[in-house]
Amino acid sequence: MPGPSLGDVTAVSVRHHVPLVSRAPELFVVDLWDLRPGEVGDADAARMCARLAAYRAWYDELLEDAEVAGRRRRHRLSVHGNIIGASVAASPLVDLLSLHGREVAFWTYRVAEEHAEFEPYYREERPCPPSPLKAMLDHLPWRTPPPDALVDPAGEVLGGAG
């Protein structure tokens, strides 16, 4: 599928999640897939990040057109990128995105016995420098739930255990 000035992605998939609660918005997850020959690294990651920004801008254009026409959305959209290569070149950018990013995933592949096998790539555990945001955002409020609190997957405190 073409992207603006960024070349084609190999494939685009869309998943639709119907909410369990009737008034909750529906969720659509768009995955961009970029299958690259050989090793992938920083240039591939930067290109995918730019593609994600372009797809979000296209979606923002759809939202604006709908709002101008008087329609409101009853859904949420999430866009993610997947980069697949024979190997992944470790670097500070690739390491950060592979361990802590929610937008770009790295995969390795190999062909064995006439089928392809895919494995997620995560950087090897090793010390890394602290985030430069830590010092800039030291004033952010954080709360610690009580020891007996139930916490949902999004990190929201649901209440005490008993």
Protein backbone atom coordinates (compact mmCIF):
# COMPACT_ATOMS: atom_id res chain seq x y z
CA MET A 1 0.00 0.00 0.00
CA PRO A 2 1.50 3.35 -0.95
CA GLY A 3 2.46 6.01 1.52
CA PRO A 4 3.16 9.68 0.86
CA SER A 5 6.79 9.96 -0.36
CA LEU A 6 7.82 7.01 1.83
CA GLY A 7 7.46 4.04 -0.47
CA ASP A 8 5.05 1.18 -0.15
CA VAL A 9 4.46 -0.97 2.90
CA THR A 10 4.26 -4.69 2.24
CA ALA A 11 0.81 -5.10 3.80
CA VAL A 12 -1.80 -3.37 5.92
CA SER A 13 -4.08 -5.27 8.28
CA VAL A 14 -7.10 -3.96 10.18
CA ARG A 15 -8.54 -5.60 13.28
CA HIS A 16 -11.95 -4.66 14.65
CA HIS A 17 -12.62 -5.08 18.36
CA VAL A 18 -16.27 -4.91 19.39
CA PRO A 19 -16.64 -3.49 22.91
CA LEU A 20 -18.02 -5.60 25.72
CA VAL A 21 -20.01 -2.63 27.02
CA SER A 22 -22.73 -1.42 24.66
CA ARG A 23 -21.99 2.31 24.88
CA ALA A 24 -18.20 1.97 24.69
CA PRO A 25 -16.51 2.95 21.42
CA GLU A 26 -15.47 0.30 18.94
CA LEU A 27 -11.71 -0.10 18.45
CA PHE A 28 -9.98 -0.49 15.10
CA VAL A 29 -6.30 -1.43 15.04
CA VAL A 30 -4.35 -0.76 11.84
CA ASP A 31 -1.03 -2.60 11.47
CA LEU A 32 1.47 -1.58 8.81
CA TRP A 33 3.79 -4.45 7.82
CA ASP A 34 7.14 -3.82 6.15
CA LEU A 35 9.01 -6.96 5.05
CA ARG A 36 12.64 -6.03 4.30
CA PRO A 37 15.31 -8.26 2.81
CA GLY A 38 18.33 -8.67 5.08
CA GLU A 39 19.02 -6.70 8.24
CA VAL A 40 16.72 -3.92 9.47
CA GLY A 41 17.81 -1.01 11.61
CA ASP A 42 17.57 2.72 12.30
CA ALA A 43 16.67 3.82 8.76
CA ASP A 44 13.80 1.30 8.63
CA ALA A 45 12.59 2.39 12.08
CA ALA A 46 12.69 6.08 11.12
CA ARG A 47 10.82 5.37 7.87
CA MET A 48 8.14 3.40 9.76
CA CYS A 49 7.75 6.19 12.34
CA ALA A 50 7.21 8.66 9.48
CA ARG A 51 4.67 6.31 7.89
CA LEU A 52 2.77 6.06 11.17
CA ALA A 53 2.64 9.85 11.36
CA ALA A 54 1.34 9.98 7.76
CA TYR A 55 -1.39 7.39 8.41
CA ARG A 56 -2.47 9.29 11.53
CA ALA A 57 -2.60 12.50 9.49
CA TRP A 58 -4.77 10.76 6.87
CA TYR A 59 -7.09 9.60 9.65
CA ASP A 60 -7.18 13.12 11.13
CA GLU A 61 -8.26 14.34 7.70
CA LEU A 62 -11.13 11.81 7.73
CA LEU A 63 -12.13 12.96 11.22
CA GLU A 64 -12.11 16.60 10.19
CA ASP A 65 -14.25 15.89 7.10
CA ALA A 66 -16.73 13.94 9.24
CA GLU A 67 -16.94 16.68 11.87
CA VAL A 68 -17.48 19.34 9.19
CA ALA A 69 -20.33 17.17 7.85
CA GLY A 70 -21.85 17.05 11.36
CA ARG A 71 -20.92 13.46 12.18
CA ARG A 72 -19.23 12.27 15.35
CA ARG A 73 -17.10 9.18 15.71
CA ARG A 74 -18.16 6.21 17.80
CA HIS A 75 -14.85 4.43 17.51
CA ARG A 76 -11.17 4.68 18.35
CA LEU A 77 -8.32 4.02 15.94
CA SER A 78 -4.84 2.81 16.77
CA VAL A 79 -2.02 2.57 14.22
CA HIS A 80 1.10 0.41 14.71
CA GLY A 81 4.09 -0.53 12.59
CA ASN A 82 5.81 -3.89 12.18
CA ILE A 83 9.25 -4.21 10.59
CA ILE A 84 10.32 -7.69 9.54
CA GLY A 85 13.87 -8.59 8.50
CA ALA A 86 16.26 -11.53 8.48
CA SER A 87 18.00 -9.85 11.43
CA VAL A 88 17.75 -6.65 13.45
CA ALA A 89 20.71 -4.30 13.97
CA ALA A 90 20.79 -3.23 17.60
CA SER A 91 21.10 0.53 18.16
CA PRO A 92 19.86 2.98 20.79
CA LEU A 93 16.74 3.73 18.68
CA VAL A 94 15.94 0.11 17.85
CA ASP A 95 16.59 -0.92 21.47
CA LEU A 96 14.28 1.78 22.83
CA LEU A 97 11.46 1.03 20.39
CA SER A 98 11.73 -2.74 20.77
CA LEU A 99 11.52 -2.69 24.56
CA HIS A 100 9.44 0.34 25.45
CA GLY A 101 7.71 1.60 22.35
CA ARG A 102 4.09 0.75 21.70
CA GLU A 103 4.07 1.79 18.08
CA VAL A 104 6.80 -0.14 16.28
CA ALA A 105 7.53 -3.85 16.63
CA PHE A 106 10.52 -5.64 15.15
CA TRP A 107 10.38 -9.20 13.85
CA THR A 108 12.93 -11.61 12.43
CA TYR A 109 12.10 -14.31 9.94
CA ARG A 110 13.66 -17.40 8.50
CA VAL A 111 12.47 -19.83 5.89
CA ALA A 112 12.59 -23.48 6.95
CA GLU A 113 11.14 -26.48 5.18
CA GLU A 114 9.11 -24.42 2.74
CA HIS A 115 7.46 -22.20 5.36
CA ALA A 116 8.41 -18.99 7.11
CA GLU A 117 8.93 -18.65 10.85
CA PHE A 118 8.61 -15.28 12.57
CA GLU A 119 9.97 -14.27 15.96
CA PRO A 120 9.53 -10.97 17.81
CA TYR A 121 12.77 -9.09 18.41
CA TYR A 122 13.57 -7.46 21.75
CA ARG A 123 16.94 -6.05 22.62
CA GLU A 124 19.03 -8.09 24.97
CA GLU A 125 18.77 -7.05 28.59
CA ARG A 126 21.63 -4.77 29.43
CA PRO A 127 21.94 -1.47 31.28
CA CYS A 128 20.82 1.54 29.33
CA PRO A 129 21.12 5.24 30.07
CA PRO A 130 18.17 6.86 31.82
CA SER A 131 15.59 8.61 29.70
CA PRO A 132 16.29 12.29 29.14
CA LEU A 133 12.61 12.87 29.90
CA LYS A 134 13.12 11.80 33.50
CA ALA A 135 14.74 15.08 34.53
CA MET A 136 12.41 17.21 32.41
CA LEU A 137 9.26 15.58 33.74
CA ASP A 138 10.24 15.09 37.37
CA HIS A 139 7.17 17.11 38.43
CA LEU A 140 4.64 14.59 37.01
CA PRO A 141 2.29 13.29 39.68
CA TRP A 142 2.47 9.56 40.29
CA ARG A 143 0.38 7.58 42.69
CA THR A 144 1.08 4.31 44.35
CA PRO A 145 -1.95 2.09 44.86
CA PRO A 146 -2.49 0.58 48.29
CA PRO A 147 -0.89 -2.88 48.69
CA ASP A 148 -4.28 -4.65 48.52
CA ALA A 149 -5.59 -2.70 45.50
CA LEU A 150 -6.82 -4.40 42.35
CA VAL A 151 -5.32 -2.83 39.23
CA ASP A 152 -6.67 -3.32 35.71
CA PRO A 153 -4.37 -3.89 32.70
CA ALA A 154 -4.39 -0.15 31.90
CA GLY A 155 -3.02 0.61 35.38
CA GLU A 156 -6.24 2.01 36.82
CA VAL A 157 -6.93 1.21 40.48
CA LEU A 158 -10.19 -0.71 40.79
CA GLY A 159 -10.39 -0.90 44.59
CA GLY A 160 -9.22 -3.00 47.51
CA ALA A 161 -8.84 -6.74 47.33
CA GLY A 162 -11.13 -7.49 50.07
